[in-house]
Amino acid sequence: MFRKSLQAVNLTDAIEKSPGVRVSNECSMCGVKRIMLNGMRGEHSTILTDGVPLHTMMAGYYAVDALATTGVSRIEVARGAGASLLAPEAIGGTINVISKEVEETGLNINASMEDNDSYFLGMMGGYVSDDERTRTSLVIQDDKHHQMDNDNNGVSDAPLQENTSYVVRLSHDLGERDNVVLRTAYTDSSIFGGPQGYSIDSVLQGYDGVESDHLFVDDDVRQQYIGKPWETTEWISTTRSEISPSWLHEFSESYNTLFTVAWSEHKQDSFYEGFDYIATDTLNYFDLRNNLILNDQHMLTFGVDLRDESMRSDSVAGEESDNYIEDSFGCSGLILPDTSLR
């Protein structure tokens, strides 16, 4: 399914009204969202960038709203287990974010602002060489969404979110049959929910580890919050770095080979009402794919891919607790052959 221009600020806004897609807001203070396809849980959906599974399962919890829509040509939603060809865990389906190909040299800027200090700024600059063999683009997107406290009880119903993304893409034709593409991206996202009128620095400085006897007047969440700021604070700082080079060689009009290597690193530093958590999730991906067009209705794809992912986490509060279970892991998978007929 193809999603055309919807003036969406982020990925979840762009796909939430698509058939079979549900975007679940699972926390009013930490802003975690899960993208569910065909009713399957969020971990069974995989986000692809130009067909490459750069996003890990951990990345599906936070910073989903930080995925820039500036510089995106379209978003393809494939529901069902058939999409698991590229990502075996994606039995619910995949969401493929396709980058916009630069057609001419120029600069495009889109900006908006609201009275409550929320804003959006998207910029895409493109360059095309005189011989049209080299195409380069730079995408910058910066947006902010303020805290919301609709019931005026002193605790946010929606968190403060600040997102900044940078994407650089270079495409160069080596000859009539060869094309190389290099894409690199960096994302910085911060979510802060909980008490009104505080910064994360002031909350952390006031942390004492001693819980209040009462959090709300008369222990009623509809009344004013009277607890300590840190007792309702949920703060998640996320950074993502990505790099993905690929080489396409056409042997003939009906047969080509695509070689792709990718790396991504997802870092999280967070504070959940007194519980600290830091984690680094690293993904390495290798794909060698052959495409053979049999006729107008059928194409055969075969090849091999390798995916290696590891996540390491740490928590000072967790180490002091008897109930804490460390969630660090490492896994890799080799799929041979990778064959489909469609």
C-alpha atoms as a PDB file:
ATOM      1  CA  MET A   1       0.000   0.000   0.000  1.00  0.00           C
ATOM      2  CA  PHE A   2       1.330   3.445  -0.869  1.00  0.00           C
ATOM      3  CA  ARG A   3       0.836   6.503   1.332  1.00  0.00           C
ATOM      4  CA  LYS A   4       0.963   9.759  -0.594  1.00  0.00           C
ATOM      5  CA  SER A   5       1.611  13.214   0.862  1.00  0.00           C
ATOM      6  CA  LEU A   6      -0.544  13.703   3.962  1.00  0.00           C
ATOM      7  CA  GLN A   7       1.356  16.675   5.452  1.00  0.00           C
ATOM      8  CA  ALA A   8       2.276  14.337   8.312  1.00  0.00           C
ATOM      9  CA  VAL A   9       5.006  15.474  10.702  1.00  0.00           C
ATOM     10  CA  ASN A  10       6.154  11.968  11.640  1.00  0.00           C
ATOM     11  CA  LEU A  11       5.784   8.317  10.695  1.00  0.00           C
ATOM     12  CA  THR A  12       2.935   7.484  13.080  1.00  0.00           C
ATOM     13  CA  ASP A  13       0.837  10.398  11.795  1.00  0.00           C
ATOM     14  CA  ALA A  14       1.397   9.214   8.223  1.00  0.00           C
ATOM     15  CA  ILE A  15       0.226   5.615   8.692  1.00  0.00           C
ATOM     16  CA  GLU A  16      -2.209   5.614  11.624  1.00  0.00           C
ATOM     17  CA  LYS A  17      -5.292   5.783   9.363  1.00  0.00           C
ATOM     18  CA  SER A  18      -4.132   3.003   7.033  1.00  0.00           C
ATOM     19  CA  PRO A  19      -6.187  -0.218   6.895  1.00  0.00           C
ATOM     20  CA  GLY A  20      -4.898  -2.865   9.290  1.00  0.00           C
ATOM     21  CA  VAL A  21      -2.624  -0.382  11.093  1.00  0.00           C
ATOM     22  CA  ARG A  22      -3.049   0.613  14.727  1.00  0.00           C
ATOM     23  CA  VAL A  23      -0.800   3.111  16.482  1.00  0.00           C
ATOM     24  CA  SER A  24      -1.129   2.523  20.220  1.00  0.00           C
ATOM     25  CA  ASN A  25      -0.302   5.307  22.687  1.00  0.00           C
ATOM     26  CA  GLU A  26       0.634   3.202  25.672  1.00  0.00           C
ATOM     27  CA  CYS A  27       1.842   5.856  28.126  1.00  0.00           C
ATOM     28  CA  SER A  28       0.691   9.446  28.673  1.00  0.00           C
ATOM     29  CA  MET A  29       3.939  10.412  30.398  1.00  0.00           C
ATOM     30  CA  CYS A  30       6.715   8.553  28.546  1.00  0.00           C
ATOM     31  CA  GLY A  31       5.066   8.792  25.117  1.00  0.00           C
ATOM     32  CA  VAL A  32       5.801   5.207  24.094  1.00  0.00           C
ATOM     33  CA  LYS A  33       3.979   4.158  20.921  1.00  0.00           C
ATOM     34  CA  ARG A  34       3.610   0.753  19.336  1.00  0.00           C
ATOM     35  CA  ILE A  35       2.832   0.217  15.645  1.00  0.00           C
ATOM     36  CA  MET A  36       0.690  -2.899  15.274  1.00  0.00           C
ATOM     37  CA  LEU A  37      -0.142  -4.494  11.920  1.00  0.00           C
ATOM     38  CA  ASN A  38      -2.955  -7.003  11.423  1.00  0.00           C
ATOM     39  CA  GLY A  39      -3.591  -7.052  15.175  1.00  0.00           C
ATOM     40  CA  MET A  40      -0.127  -8.433  15.961  1.00  0.00           C
ATOM     41  CA  ARG A  41       1.978  -6.981  18.778  1.00  0.00           C
ATOM     42  CA  GLY A  42       4.374  -4.149  18.022  1.00  0.00           C
ATOM     43  CA  GLU A  43       7.490  -6.329  18.175  1.00  0.00           C
ATOM     44  CA  HIS A  44       6.132  -8.275  15.187  1.00  0.00           C
ATOM     45  CA  SER A  45       6.250  -5.159  12.982  1.00  0.00           C
ATOM     46  CA  THR A  46       9.493  -4.028  11.380  1.00  0.00           C
ATOM     47  CA  ILE A  47      10.368  -0.576  10.044  1.00  0.00           C
ATOM     48  CA  LEU A  48      12.501  -0.564   6.897  1.00  0.00           C
ATOM     49  CA  THR A  49      14.360   2.341   5.298  1.00  0.00           C
ATOM     50  CA  ASP A  50      14.627   1.944   1.531  1.00  0.00           C
ATOM     51  CA  GLY A  51      14.059  -1.785   2.046  1.00  0.00           C
ATOM     52  CA  VAL A  52      16.776  -2.144   4.686  1.00  0.00           C
ATOM     53  CA  PRO A  53      15.819  -3.258   8.252  1.00  0.00           C
ATOM     54  CA  LEU A  54      17.816  -0.580  10.075  1.00  0.00           C
ATOM     55  CA  HIS A  55      15.385  -0.294  12.986  1.00  0.00           C
ATOM     56  CA  THR A  56      15.734  -2.737  15.858  1.00  0.00           C
ATOM     57  CA  MET A  57      12.948  -3.992  18.128  1.00  0.00           C
ATOM     58  CA  MET A  58      14.127  -1.581  20.812  1.00  0.00           C
ATOM     59  CA  ALA A  59      13.818   1.318  18.362  1.00  0.00           C
ATOM     60  CA  GLY A  60      10.112   0.515  17.981  1.00  0.00           C
ATOM     61  CA  TYR A  61       9.365   1.748  21.500  1.00  0.00           C
ATOM     62  CA  TYR A  62      10.867   5.226  21.537  1.00  0.00           C
ATOM     63  CA  ALA A  63      11.858   7.781  18.881  1.00  0.00           C
ATOM     64  CA  VAL A  64       9.250   6.446  16.446  1.00  0.00           C
ATOM     65  CA  ASP A  65       7.789   9.941  16.355  1.00  0.00           C
ATOM     66  CA  ALA A  66      11.271  11.282  15.598  1.00  0.00           C
ATOM     67  CA  LEU A  67      11.399   9.551  12.198  1.00  0.00           C
ATOM     68  CA  ALA A  68      11.378  12.471   9.789  1.00  0.00           C
ATOM     69  CA  THR A  69       8.847  12.631   6.968  1.00  0.00           C
ATOM     70  CA  THR A  70      10.794  15.410   5.240  1.00  0.00           C
ATOM     71  CA  GLY A  71      12.629  13.884   2.281  1.00  0.00           C
ATOM     72  CA  VAL A  72      10.308  10.864   2.143  1.00  0.00           C
ATOM     73  CA  SER A  73       8.788   9.948  -1.209  1.00  0.00           C
ATOM     74  CA  ARG A  74       6.244   7.442   0.094  1.00  0.00           C
ATOM     75  CA  ILE A  75       5.595   4.902   2.838  1.00  0.00           C
ATOM     76  CA  GLU A  76       4.699   1.343   1.900  1.00  0.00           C
ATOM     77  CA  VAL A  77       2.781  -0.756   4.423  1.00  0.00           C
ATOM     78  CA  ALA A  78       2.923  -4.515   3.760  1.00  0.00           C
ATOM     79  CA  ARG A  79       0.656  -6.495   6.102  1.00  0.00           C
ATOM     80  CA  GLY A  80       0.998 -10.191   6.788  1.00  0.00           C
ATOM     81  CA  ALA A  81       3.763 -12.763   7.142  1.00  0.00           C
ATOM     82  CA  GLY A  82       4.711 -12.514   3.465  1.00  0.00           C
ATOM     83  CA  ALA A  83       6.665  -9.375   4.366  1.00  0.00           C
ATOM     84  CA  SER A  84       9.007 -11.458   6.528  1.00  0.00           C
ATOM     85  CA  LEU A  85      11.263 -12.158   3.543  1.00  0.00           C
ATOM     86  CA  LEU A  86      13.500  -9.260   4.607  1.00  0.00           C
ATOM     87  CA  ALA A  87      12.747  -9.374   8.332  1.00  0.00           C
ATOM     88  CA  PRO A  88      11.882 -12.850   9.660  1.00  0.00           C
ATOM     89  CA  GLU A  89      10.426 -11.456  12.901  1.00  0.00           C
ATOM     90  CA  ALA A  90       7.937  -9.264  10.977  1.00  0.00           C
ATOM     91  CA  ILE A  91       5.041 -11.719  10.963  1.00  0.00           C
ATOM     92  CA  GLY A  92       2.673  -8.779  11.378  1.00  0.00           C
ATOM     93  CA  GLY A  93       4.135  -6.897   8.442  1.00  0.00           C
ATOM     94  CA  THR A  94       6.627  -4.211   7.481  1.00  0.00           C
ATOM     95  CA  ILE A  95       6.608  -0.452   7.056  1.00  0.00           C
ATOM     96  CA  ASN A  96       8.995   0.644   4.325  1.00  0.00           C
ATOM     97  CA  VAL A  97      10.023   4.330   4.302  1.00  0.00           C
ATOM     98  CA  ILE A  98      11.191   5.246   0.783  1.00  0.00           C
ATOM     99  CA  SER A  99      13.563   8.204   0.378  1.00  0.00           C
ATOM    100  CA  LYS A 100      12.810  10.896  -2.180  1.00  0.00           C
ATOM    101  CA  GLU A 101      15.101  10.882  -5.202  1.00  0.00           C
ATOM    102  CA  VAL A 102      16.498  14.328  -6.031  1.00  0.00           C
ATOM    103  CA  GLU A 103      15.496  15.462  -9.532  1.00  0.00           C
ATOM    104  CA  GLU A 104      16.853  19.022  -9.564  1.00  0.00           C
ATOM    105  CA  THR A 105      19.031  21.398  -7.582  1.00  0.00           C
ATOM    106  CA  GLY A 106      17.021  23.406  -5.085  1.00  0.00           C
ATOM    107  CA  LEU A 107      15.875  24.019  -1.528  1.00  0.00           C
ATOM    108  CA  ASN A 108      12.471  23.307   0.022  1.00  0.00           C
ATOM    109  CA  ILE A 109      11.464  24.586   3.463  1.00  0.00           C
ATOM    110  CA  ASN A 110       8.254  23.807   5.364  1.00  0.00           C
ATOM    111  CA  ALA A 111       7.564  25.380   8.775  1.00  0.00           C
ATOM    112  CA  SER A 112       4.689  25.869  11.185  1.00  0.00           C
ATOM    113  CA  MET A 113       4.260  27.165  14.749  1.00  0.00           C
ATOM    114  CA  GLU A 114       1.588  27.028  17.442  1.00  0.00           C
ATOM    115  CA  ASP A 115       0.865  29.452  20.298  1.00  0.00           C
ATOM    116  CA  ASN A 116       1.926  26.914  22.941  1.00  0.00           C
ATOM    117  CA  ASP A 117       5.590  26.821  21.851  1.00  0.00           C
ATOM    118  CA  SER A 118       5.104  23.802  19.602  1.00  0.00           C
ATOM    119  CA  TYR A 119       6.647  24.049  16.154  1.00  0.00           C
ATOM    120  CA  PHE A 120       7.763  22.127  13.066  1.00  0.00           C
ATOM    121  CA  LEU A 121      10.624  22.877  10.678  1.00  0.00           C
ATOM    122  CA  GLY A 122      11.476  20.688   7.718  1.00  0.00           C
ATOM    123  CA  MET A 123      14.149  21.460   5.137  1.00  0.00           C
ATOM    124  CA  MET A 124      15.396  19.497   2.136  1.00  0.00           C
ATOM    125  CA  GLY A 125      18.206  20.702  -0.083  1.00  0.00           C
ATOM    126  CA  GLY A 126      19.163  18.885  -3.254  1.00  0.00           C
ATOM    127  CA  TYR A 127      21.970  19.009  -5.802  1.00  0.00           C
ATOM    128  CA  VAL A 128      22.114  17.378  -9.249  1.00  0.00           C
ATOM    129  CA  SER A 129      25.341  17.493 -11.257  1.00  0.00           C
ATOM    130  CA  ASP A 130      25.386  18.837 -14.810  1.00  0.00           C
ATOM    131  CA  ASP A 131      25.713  15.331 -16.259  1.00  0.00           C
ATOM    132  CA  GLU A 132      22.910  14.134 -13.877  1.00  0.00           C
ATOM    133  CA  ARG A 133      25.060  11.221 -12.707  1.00  0.00           C
ATOM    134  CA  THR A 134      25.402  12.535  -9.138  1.00  0.00           C
ATOM    135  CA  ARG A 135      22.444  13.395  -6.901  1.00  0.00           C
ATOM    136  CA  THR A 136      22.857  14.580  -3.314  1.00  0.00           C
ATOM    137  CA  SER A 137      20.302  15.594  -0.696  1.00  0.00           C
ATOM    138  CA  LEU A 138      20.416  16.987   2.835  1.00  0.00           C
ATOM    139  CA  VAL A 139      17.346  16.718   5.081  1.00  0.00           C
ATOM    140  CA  ILE A 140      16.950  18.532   8.399  1.00  0.00           C
ATOM    141  CA  GLN A 141      13.793  18.217  10.477  1.00  0.00           C
ATOM    142  CA  ASP A 142      13.232  19.766  13.898  1.00  0.00           C
ATOM    143  CA  ASP A 143       9.944  19.658  15.807  1.00  0.00           C
ATOM    144  CA  LYS A 144       8.648  20.194  19.334  1.00  0.00           C
ATOM    145  CA  HIS A 145       5.386  19.214  21.011  1.00  0.00           C
ATOM    146  CA  HIS A 146       4.646  20.760  24.415  1.00  0.00           C
ATOM    147  CA  GLN A 147       3.377  19.027  27.534  1.00  0.00           C
ATOM    148  CA  MET A 148      -0.383  18.819  27.948  1.00  0.00           C
ATOM    149  CA  ASP A 149      -2.292  18.776  31.258  1.00  0.00           C
ATOM    150  CA  ASN A 150      -5.936  18.827  30.246  1.00  0.00           C
ATOM    151  CA  ASP A 151      -7.332  18.090  33.722  1.00  0.00           C
ATOM    152  CA  ASN A 152      -5.030  20.626  35.457  1.00  0.00           C
ATOM    153  CA  ASN A 153      -3.915  18.218  38.193  1.00  0.00           C
ATOM    154  CA  GLY A 154      -0.221  19.092  37.821  1.00  0.00           C
ATOM    155  CA  VAL A 155       0.748  15.929  35.910  1.00  0.00           C
ATOM    156  CA  SER A 156       1.029  15.773  32.141  1.00  0.00           C
ATOM    157  CA  ASP A 157      -1.487  13.899  30.003  1.00  0.00           C
ATOM    158  CA  ALA A 158       0.964  14.053  27.081  1.00  0.00           C
ATOM    159  CA  PRO A 159       4.740  14.547  27.391  1.00  0.00           C
ATOM    160  CA  LEU A 160       7.050  17.194  26.015  1.00  0.00           C
ATOM    161  CA  GLN A 161       8.720  15.841  22.863  1.00  0.00           C
ATOM    162  CA  GLU A 162      11.667  17.402  21.039  1.00  0.00           C
ATOM    163  CA  ASN A 163      13.017  15.723  17.905  1.00  0.00           C
ATOM    164  CA  THR A 164      15.851  16.608  15.531  1.00  0.00           C
ATOM    165  CA  SER A 165      16.854  14.557  12.479  1.00  0.00           C
ATOM    166  CA  TYR A 166      19.614  14.880   9.879  1.00  0.00           C
ATOM    167  CA  VAL A 167      19.761  12.737   6.743  1.00  0.00           C
ATOM    168  CA  VAL A 168      22.375  12.855   3.967  1.00  0.00           C
ATOM    169  CA  ARG A 169      21.905  10.776   0.825  1.00  0.00           C
ATOM    170  CA  LEU A 170      24.286  10.456  -2.135  1.00  0.00           C
ATOM    171  CA  SER A 171      23.472   8.588  -5.350  1.00  0.00           C
ATOM    172  CA  HIS A 172      26.041   8.255  -8.140  1.00  0.00           C
ATOM    173  CA  ASP A 173      25.916   6.422 -11.480  1.00  0.00           C
ATOM    174  CA  LEU A 174      29.307   4.800 -12.115  1.00  0.00           C
ATOM    175  CA  GLY A 175      28.268   3.901 -15.640  1.00  0.00           C
ATOM    176  CA  GLU A 176      25.290   2.756 -17.654  1.00  0.00           C
ATOM    177  CA  ARG A 177      24.783  -0.342 -15.471  1.00  0.00           C
ATOM    178  CA  ASP A 178      26.141   0.580 -12.040  1.00  0.00           C
ATOM    179  CA  ASN A 179      24.743   2.826  -9.310  1.00  0.00           C
ATOM    180  CA  VAL A 180      26.000   3.355  -5.752  1.00  0.00           C
ATOM    181  CA  VAL A 181      23.982   4.937  -2.944  1.00  0.00           C
ATOM    182  CA  LEU A 182      25.226   6.098   0.442  1.00  0.00           C
ATOM    183  CA  ARG A 183      22.735   7.129   3.102  1.00  0.00           C
ATOM    184  CA  THR A 184      23.600   8.314   6.603  1.00  0.00           C
ATOM    185  CA  ALA A 185      21.284   9.642   9.284  1.00  0.00           C
ATOM    186  CA  TYR A 186      21.346  10.929  12.843  1.00  0.00           C
ATOM    187  CA  THR A 187      18.358  11.427  15.150  1.00  0.00           C
ATOM    188  CA  ASP A 188      18.160  13.057  18.580  1.00  0.00           C
ATOM    189  CA  SER A 189      14.927  12.699  20.535  1.00  0.00           C
ATOM    190  CA  SER A 190      13.952  13.754  24.057  1.00  0.00           C
ATOM    191  CA  ILE A 191      10.697  12.952  25.883  1.00  0.00           C
ATOM    192  CA  PHE A 192       9.815  14.471  29.262  1.00  0.00           C
ATOM    193  CA  GLY A 193       6.539  13.732  31.004  1.00  0.00           C
ATOM    194  CA  GLY A 194       5.183  14.038  34.513  1.00  0.00           C
ATOM    195  CA  PRO A 195       5.245  17.136  36.737  1.00  0.00           C
ATOM    196  CA  GLN A 196       4.401  20.528  35.272  1.00  0.00           C
ATOM    197  CA  GLY A 197       6.796  23.463  35.464  1.00  0.00           C
ATOM    198  CA  TYR A 198      10.030  21.502  35.899  1.00  0.00           C
ATOM    199  CA  SER A 199      13.061  20.657  33.788  1.00  0.00           C
ATOM    200  CA  ILE A 200      14.728  17.267  33.799  1.00  0.00           C
ATOM    201  CA  ASP A 201      17.854  18.800  35.371  1.00  0.00           C
ATOM    202  CA  SER A 202      15.905  20.206  38.307  1.00  0.00           C
ATOM    203  CA  VAL A 203      14.062  16.898  38.779  1.00  0.00           C
ATOM    204  CA  LEU A 204      17.260  14.844  38.890  1.00  0.00           C
ATOM    205  CA  GLN A 205      18.940  17.297  41.255  1.00  0.00           C
ATOM    206  CA  GLY A 206      15.990  16.947  43.643  1.00  0.00           C
ATOM    207  CA  TYR A 207      15.943  13.151  43.615  1.00  0.00           C
ATOM    208  CA  ASP A 208      16.317  11.713  47.127  1.00  0.00           C
ATOM    209  CA  GLY A 209      14.874   8.214  46.781  1.00  0.00           C
ATOM    210  CA  VAL A 210      12.357   8.791  49.584  1.00  0.00           C
ATOM    211  CA  GLU A 211       8.762   8.276  48.434  1.00  0.00           C
ATOM    212  CA  SER A 212       5.957  10.585  49.554  1.00  0.00           C
ATOM    213  CA  ASP A 213       3.081   9.309  51.657  1.00  0.00           C
ATOM    214  CA  HIS A 214       0.557  10.860  49.251  1.00  0.00           C
ATOM    215  CA  LEU A 215       0.890  11.851  45.597  1.00  0.00           C
ATOM    216  CA  PHE A 216      -2.459  13.609  45.150  1.00  0.00           C
ATOM    217  CA  VAL A 217      -4.805  15.498  47.423  1.00  0.00           C
ATOM    218  CA  ASP A 218      -7.139  12.973  49.066  1.00  0.00           C
ATOM    219  CA  ASP A 219      -5.283  10.279  47.062  1.00  0.00           C
ATOM    220  CA  ASP A 220      -7.476  11.230  44.086  1.00  0.00           C
ATOM    221  CA  VAL A 221      -5.712  11.593  40.714  1.00  0.00           C
ATOM    222  CA  ARG A 222      -8.345  14.171  39.755  1.00  0.00           C
ATOM    223  CA  GLN A 223      -7.018  16.448  42.497  1.00  0.00           C
ATOM    224  CA  GLN A 224      -3.786  18.454  42.607  1.00  0.00           C
ATOM    225  CA  TYR A 225      -0.471  16.586  42.564  1.00  0.00           C
ATOM    226  CA  ILE A 226       1.429  17.077  45.843  1.00  0.00           C
ATOM    227  CA  GLY A 227       4.195  14.479  45.535  1.00  0.00           C
ATOM    228  CA  LYS A 228       7.836  15.078  44.687  1.00  0.00           C
ATOM    229  CA  PRO A 229       8.611  15.919  41.035  1.00  0.00           C
ATOM    230  CA  TRP A 230      10.720  12.797  40.449  1.00  0.00           C
ATOM    231  CA  GLU A 231       7.906  10.466  41.546  1.00  0.00           C
ATOM    232  CA  THR A 232       5.972  11.039  38.309  1.00  0.00           C
ATOM    233  CA  THR A 233       8.871  11.976  36.023  1.00  0.00           C
ATOM    234  CA  GLU A 234       9.493   9.847  32.949  1.00  0.00           C
ATOM    235  CA  TRP A 235      12.342  11.055  30.765  1.00  0.00           C
ATOM    236  CA  ILE A 236      13.786   9.277  27.742  1.00  0.00           C
ATOM    237  CA  SER A 237      16.704  10.634  25.729  1.00  0.00           C
ATOM    238  CA  THR A 238      17.391   8.743  22.503  1.00  0.00           C
ATOM    239  CA  THR A 239      20.001   9.049  19.770  1.00  0.00           C
ATOM    240  CA  ARG A 240      20.149   6.998  16.566  1.00  0.00           C
ATOM    241  CA  SER A 241      23.000   6.783  14.074  1.00  0.00           C
ATOM    242  CA  GLU A 242      22.676   5.009  10.725  1.00  0.00           C
ATOM    243  CA  ILE A 243      24.829   4.375   7.686  1.00  0.00           C
ATOM    244  CA  SER A 244      23.919   2.259   4.671  1.00  0.00           C
ATOM    245  CA  PRO A 245      25.918   1.951   1.416  1.00  0.00           C
ATOM    246  CA  SER A 246      24.577  -0.116  -1.497  1.00  0.00           C
ATOM    247  CA  TRP A 247      25.674  -1.052  -5.022  1.00  0.00           C
ATOM    248  CA  LEU A 248      23.324  -2.009  -7.852  1.00  0.00           C
ATOM    249  CA  HIS A 249      24.667  -3.703 -10.980  1.00  0.00           C
ATOM    250  CA  GLU A 250      22.477  -4.490 -13.986  1.00  0.00           C
ATOM    251  CA  PHE A 251      23.642  -7.453 -16.023  1.00  0.00           C
ATOM    252  CA  SER A 252      20.744  -6.994 -18.423  1.00  0.00           C
ATOM    253  CA  GLU A 253      17.291  -5.430 -18.537  1.00  0.00           C
ATOM    254  CA  SER A 254      15.863  -8.509 -16.833  1.00  0.00           C
ATOM    255  CA  TYR A 255      18.615  -9.387 -14.311  1.00  0.00           C
ATOM    256  CA  ASN A 256      20.337  -7.277 -11.635  1.00  0.00           C
ATOM    257  CA  THR A 257      22.206  -7.695  -8.340  1.00  0.00           C
ATOM    258  CA  LEU A 258      21.954  -5.432  -5.288  1.00  0.00           C
ATOM    259  CA  PHE A 259      24.610  -5.522  -2.555  1.00  0.00           C
ATOM    260  CA  THR A 260      23.831  -3.690   0.714  1.00  0.00           C
ATOM    261  CA  VAL A 261      25.701  -3.223   3.975  1.00  0.00           C
ATOM    262  CA  ALA A 262      24.106  -1.359   6.897  1.00  0.00           C
ATOM    263  CA  TRP A 263      24.891  -0.342  10.469  1.00  0.00           C
ATOM    264  CA  SER A 264      22.769   1.381  13.086  1.00  0.00           C
ATOM    265  CA  GLU A 265      23.207   2.245  16.752  1.00  0.00           C
ATOM    266  CA  HIS A 266      20.325   3.135  19.054  1.00  0.00           C
ATOM    267  CA  LYS A 267      21.244   4.674  22.430  1.00  0.00           C
ATOM    268  CA  GLN A 268      18.833   5.370  25.269  1.00  0.00           C
ATOM    269  CA  ASP A 269      19.306   7.187  28.568  1.00  0.00           C
ATOM    270  CA  SER A 270      16.179   7.295  30.729  1.00  0.00           C
ATOM    271  CA  PHE A 271      14.655   7.894  34.149  1.00  0.00           C
ATOM    272  CA  TYR A 272      11.356   6.289  35.182  1.00  0.00           C
ATOM    273  CA  GLU A 273      10.052   7.663  38.482  1.00  0.00           C
ATOM    274  CA  GLY A 274      13.283   6.848  40.302  1.00  0.00           C
ATOM    275  CA  PHE A 275      14.448   3.949  38.115  1.00  0.00           C
ATOM    276  CA  ASP A 276      17.370   4.714  35.785  1.00  0.00           C
ATOM    277  CA  TYR A 277      18.014   2.751  32.584  1.00  0.00           C
ATOM    278  CA  ILE A 278      20.622   3.129  29.845  1.00  0.00           C
ATOM    279  CA  ALA A 279      20.999   0.887  26.799  1.00  0.00           C
ATOM    280  CA  THR A 280      22.823   0.631  23.492  1.00  0.00           C
ATOM    281  CA  ASP A 281      21.402  -1.482  20.667  1.00  0.00           C
ATOM    282  CA  THR A 282      23.726  -2.116  17.699  1.00  0.00           C
ATOM    283  CA  LEU A 283      22.662  -3.680  14.401  1.00  0.00           C
ATOM    284  CA  ASN A 284      24.853  -4.915  11.521  1.00  0.00           C
ATOM    285  CA  TYR A 285      23.200  -6.031   8.290  1.00  0.00           C
ATOM    286  CA  PHE A 286      24.479  -7.601   5.059  1.00  0.00           C
ATOM    287  CA  ASP A 287      22.354  -8.415   2.021  1.00  0.00           C
ATOM    288  CA  LEU A 288      23.188  -9.804  -1.421  1.00  0.00           C
ATOM    289  CA  ARG A 289      20.088  -9.985  -3.586  1.00  0.00           C
ATOM    290  CA  ASN A 290      19.497 -11.059  -7.177  1.00  0.00           C
ATOM    291  CA  ASN A 291      16.391 -10.048  -9.111  1.00  0.00           C
ATOM    292  CA  LEU A 292      15.386 -11.909 -12.265  1.00  0.00           C
ATOM    293  CA  ILE A 293      12.376 -10.689 -14.233  1.00  0.00           C
ATOM    294  CA  LEU A 294      10.744 -13.756 -15.743  1.00  0.00           C
ATOM    295  CA  ASN A 295       7.905 -11.956 -17.521  1.00  0.00           C
ATOM    296  CA  ASP A 296       5.506  -9.036 -17.039  1.00  0.00           C
ATOM    297  CA  GLN A 297       3.774 -10.757 -14.106  1.00  0.00           C
ATOM    298  CA  HIS A 298       6.606 -12.592 -12.336  1.00  0.00           C
ATOM    299  CA  MET A 299       9.990 -11.737 -10.798  1.00  0.00           C
ATOM    300  CA  LEU A 300      12.294 -14.167  -8.990  1.00  0.00           C
ATOM    301  CA  THR A 301      14.350 -12.860  -6.051  1.00  0.00           C
ATOM    302  CA  PHE A 302      17.098 -14.965  -4.489  1.00  0.00           C
ATOM    303  CA  GLY A 303      20.206 -14.347  -2.406  1.00  0.00           C
ATOM    304  CA  VAL A 304      21.564 -14.316   1.131  1.00  0.00           C
ATOM    305  CA  ASP A 305      21.415 -11.934   4.058  1.00  0.00           C
ATOM    306  CA  LEU A 306      22.970 -11.756   7.512  1.00  0.00           C
ATOM    307  CA  ARG A 307      21.688  -9.788  10.493  1.00  0.00           C
ATOM    308  CA  ASP A 308      23.597  -9.392  13.749  1.00  0.00           C
ATOM    309  CA  GLU A 309      22.117  -7.451  16.676  1.00  0.00           C
ATOM    310  CA  SER A 310      23.272  -6.917  20.243  1.00  0.00           C
ATOM    311  CA  MET A 311      21.884  -4.851  23.100  1.00  0.00           C
ATOM    312  CA  ARG A 312      23.632  -3.976  26.332  1.00  0.00           C
ATOM    313  CA  SER A 313      21.836  -2.273  29.220  1.00  0.00           C
ATOM    314  CA  ASP A 314      22.635  -1.055  32.708  1.00  0.00           C
ATOM    315  CA  SER A 315      20.721   0.341  35.683  1.00  0.00           C
ATOM    316  CA  VAL A 316      22.053   1.491  39.048  1.00  0.00           C
ATOM    317  CA  ALA A 317      18.624   1.169  40.665  1.00  0.00           C
ATOM    318  CA  GLY A 318      18.102  -2.214  39.015  1.00  0.00           C
ATOM    319  CA  GLU A 319      21.336  -3.652  40.409  1.00  0.00           C
ATOM    320  CA  GLU A 320      20.161  -2.702  43.900  1.00  0.00           C
ATOM    321  CA  SER A 321      16.860  -4.515  43.419  1.00  0.00           C
ATOM    322  CA  ASP A 322      16.324  -8.250  43.870  1.00  0.00           C
ATOM    323  CA  ASN A 323      13.572  -8.270  41.223  1.00  0.00           C
ATOM    324  CA  TYR A 324      15.556  -6.722  38.361  1.00  0.00           C
ATOM    325  CA  ILE A 325      16.243  -8.948  35.355  1.00  0.00           C
ATOM    326  CA  GLU A 326      18.908  -7.733  32.952  1.00  0.00           C
ATOM    327  CA  ASP A 327      17.677  -7.578  29.354  1.00  0.00           C
ATOM    328  CA  SER A 328      21.004  -7.475  27.487  1.00  0.00           C
ATOM    329  CA  PHE A 329      21.138  -9.834  24.515  1.00  0.00           C
ATOM    330  CA  GLY A 330      22.976 -10.713  21.353  1.00  0.00           C
ATOM    331  CA  CYS A 331      21.650 -12.540  18.304  1.00  0.00           C
ATOM    332  CA  SER A 332      22.477 -13.135  14.673  1.00  0.00           C
ATOM    333  CA  GLY A 333      20.836 -14.872  11.797  1.00  0.00           C
ATOM    334  CA  LEU A 334      21.878 -16.086   8.385  1.00  0.00           C
ATOM    335  CA  ILE A 335      19.198 -16.796   5.815  1.00  0.00           C
ATOM    336  CA  LEU A 336      20.245 -18.898   2.809  1.00  0.00           C
ATOM    337  CA  PRO A 337      18.736 -18.885   0.336  1.00  0.00           C
ATOM    338  CA  ASP A 338      16.435 -15.865   0.328  1.00  0.00           C
ATOM    339  CA  THR A 339      14.050 -16.788  -2.466  1.00  0.00           C
ATOM    340  CA  SER A 340      10.666 -15.459  -3.519  1.00  0.00           C
ATOM    341  CA  LEU A 341       8.545 -15.575  -6.618  1.00  0.00           C
ATOM    342  CA  ARG A 342       5.984 -12.845  -7.220  1.00  0.00           C
END
